[in-house]
Amino acid sequence: MKEIVIKVEGMVCNGCENRVQNALKNINGVEEVVANHNDGTVKVTSTNEVSENDIKEKIRDIGFEVKEG
């Protein structure tokens, strides 16, 4: 298992958090997702075969911006 924390822009409410969490939970191998619009983070716990790029791509696909760096 690994844990990835990604900074995300555009989450402004609980609905945004739910949207991100539901989308990422659909990725095979993702075990847990905790999105927090207050600090703009998404914490993903997954198996090792899930890549960080796949997670970031899914976040972008649903309309949010991933902060790099």
C-alpha atoms as a PDB file:
ATOM      1  CA  MET A   1       0.000   0.000   0.000  1.00  0.00           C
ATOM      2  CA  LYS A   2       1.072   3.543  -0.632  1.00  0.00           C
ATOM      3  CA  GLU A   3      -0.300   6.945   0.253  1.00  0.00           C
ATOM      4  CA  ILE A   4      -0.258   9.876  -2.153  1.00  0.00           C
ATOM      5  CA  VAL A   5      -1.191  13.452  -1.268  1.00  0.00           C
ATOM      6  CA  ILE A   6      -2.093  15.719  -4.186  1.00  0.00           C
ATOM      7  CA  LYS A   7      -2.799  19.455  -4.062  1.00  0.00           C
ATOM      8  CA  VAL A   8      -5.959  20.309  -6.000  1.00  0.00           C
ATOM      9  CA  GLU A   9      -7.412  23.684  -6.979  1.00  0.00           C
ATOM     10  CA  GLY A  10     -11.099  24.260  -7.564  1.00  0.00           C
ATOM     11  CA  MET A  11     -12.663  22.269  -4.736  1.00  0.00           C
ATOM     12  CA  VAL A  12     -14.899  24.748  -2.928  1.00  0.00           C
ATOM     13  CA  CYS A  13     -17.475  22.631  -1.069  1.00  0.00           C
ATOM     14  CA  ASN A  14     -18.418  19.204   0.241  1.00  0.00           C
ATOM     15  CA  GLY A  15     -19.997  18.403  -3.124  1.00  0.00           C
ATOM     16  CA  CYS A  16     -16.618  18.917  -4.802  1.00  0.00           C
ATOM     17  CA  GLU A  17     -15.004  16.628  -2.257  1.00  0.00           C
ATOM     18  CA  ASN A  18     -17.601  13.930  -2.939  1.00  0.00           C
ATOM     19  CA  ARG A  19     -17.146  14.252  -6.694  1.00  0.00           C
ATOM     20  CA  VAL A  20     -13.375  13.769  -6.407  1.00  0.00           C
ATOM     21  CA  GLN A  21     -13.697  10.917  -3.919  1.00  0.00           C
ATOM     22  CA  ASN A  22     -16.260   9.037  -6.012  1.00  0.00           C
ATOM     23  CA  ALA A  23     -14.251   9.431  -9.223  1.00  0.00           C
ATOM     24  CA  LEU A  24     -11.004   8.225  -7.652  1.00  0.00           C
ATOM     25  CA  LYS A  25     -12.620   5.292  -5.856  1.00  0.00           C
ATOM     26  CA  ASN A  26     -13.543   3.957  -9.308  1.00  0.00           C
ATOM     27  CA  ILE A  27      -9.855   3.479 -10.161  1.00  0.00           C
ATOM     28  CA  ASN A  28      -8.935  -0.172  -9.744  1.00  0.00           C
ATOM     29  CA  GLY A  29      -6.560  -0.517  -6.783  1.00  0.00           C
ATOM     30  CA  VAL A  30      -7.628   2.638  -4.927  1.00  0.00           C
ATOM     31  CA  GLU A  31      -8.544   1.676  -1.370  1.00  0.00           C
ATOM     32  CA  GLU A  32      -9.399   5.010   0.283  1.00  0.00           C
ATOM     33  CA  VAL A  33      -9.772   8.651  -0.769  1.00  0.00           C
ATOM     34  CA  VAL A  34     -10.052  11.673   1.511  1.00  0.00           C
ATOM     35  CA  ALA A  35     -10.600  15.012  -0.216  1.00  0.00           C
ATOM     36  CA  ASN A  36     -10.486  18.247   1.785  1.00  0.00           C
ATOM     37  CA  HIS A  37     -11.647  21.459   0.113  1.00  0.00           C
ATOM     38  CA  ASN A  38     -10.468  23.582   3.056  1.00  0.00           C
ATOM     39  CA  ASP A  39      -6.786  22.823   2.510  1.00  0.00           C
ATOM     40  CA  GLY A  40      -7.068  21.759  -1.145  1.00  0.00           C
ATOM     41  CA  THR A  41      -5.708  18.260  -0.735  1.00  0.00           C
ATOM     42  CA  VAL A  42      -6.663  14.785  -1.821  1.00  0.00           C
ATOM     43  CA  LYS A  43      -5.123  11.862   0.066  1.00  0.00           C
ATOM     44  CA  VAL A  44      -5.249   8.534  -1.757  1.00  0.00           C
ATOM     45  CA  THR A  45      -4.373   5.158  -0.283  1.00  0.00           C
ATOM     46  CA  SER A  46      -3.831   2.550  -2.972  1.00  0.00           C
ATOM     47  CA  THR A  47      -2.040  -0.576  -4.013  1.00  0.00           C
ATOM     48  CA  ASN A  48       1.362  -0.133  -5.589  1.00  0.00           C
ATOM     49  CA  GLU A  49       0.139  -0.673  -9.147  1.00  0.00           C
ATOM     50  CA  VAL A  50      -1.869   2.587  -9.169  1.00  0.00           C
ATOM     51  CA  SER A  51       0.258   5.398 -10.572  1.00  0.00           C
ATOM     52  CA  GLU A  52       0.158   8.965  -9.306  1.00  0.00           C
ATOM     53  CA  ASN A  53      -0.261  10.101 -12.927  1.00  0.00           C
ATOM     54  CA  ASP A  54      -3.458   8.040 -13.297  1.00  0.00           C
ATOM     55  CA  ILE A  55      -4.879   9.706 -10.200  1.00  0.00           C
ATOM     56  CA  LYS A  56      -3.931  13.193 -11.393  1.00  0.00           C
ATOM     57  CA  GLU A  57      -5.393  12.509 -14.840  1.00  0.00           C
ATOM     58  CA  LYS A  58      -8.725  11.449 -13.316  1.00  0.00           C
ATOM     59  CA  ILE A  59      -8.818  14.623 -11.181  1.00  0.00           C
ATOM     60  CA  ARG A  60      -8.247  16.733 -14.305  1.00  0.00           C
ATOM     61  CA  ASP A  61     -10.863  14.739 -16.246  1.00  0.00           C
ATOM     62  CA  ILE A  62     -13.585  15.754 -13.790  1.00  0.00           C
ATOM     63  CA  GLY A  63     -12.676  19.449 -14.022  1.00  0.00           C
ATOM     64  CA  PHE A  64     -10.234  20.207 -11.223  1.00  0.00           C
ATOM     65  CA  GLU A  65      -6.676  21.503 -11.480  1.00  0.00           C
ATOM     66  CA  VAL A  66      -3.738  19.606 -10.015  1.00  0.00           C
ATOM     67  CA  LYS A  67      -1.065  21.820  -8.473  1.00  0.00           C
ATOM     68  CA  GLU A  68       2.396  20.542  -9.356  1.00  0.00           C
ATOM     69  CA  GLY A  69       5.395  21.097  -7.158  1.00  0.00           C
END
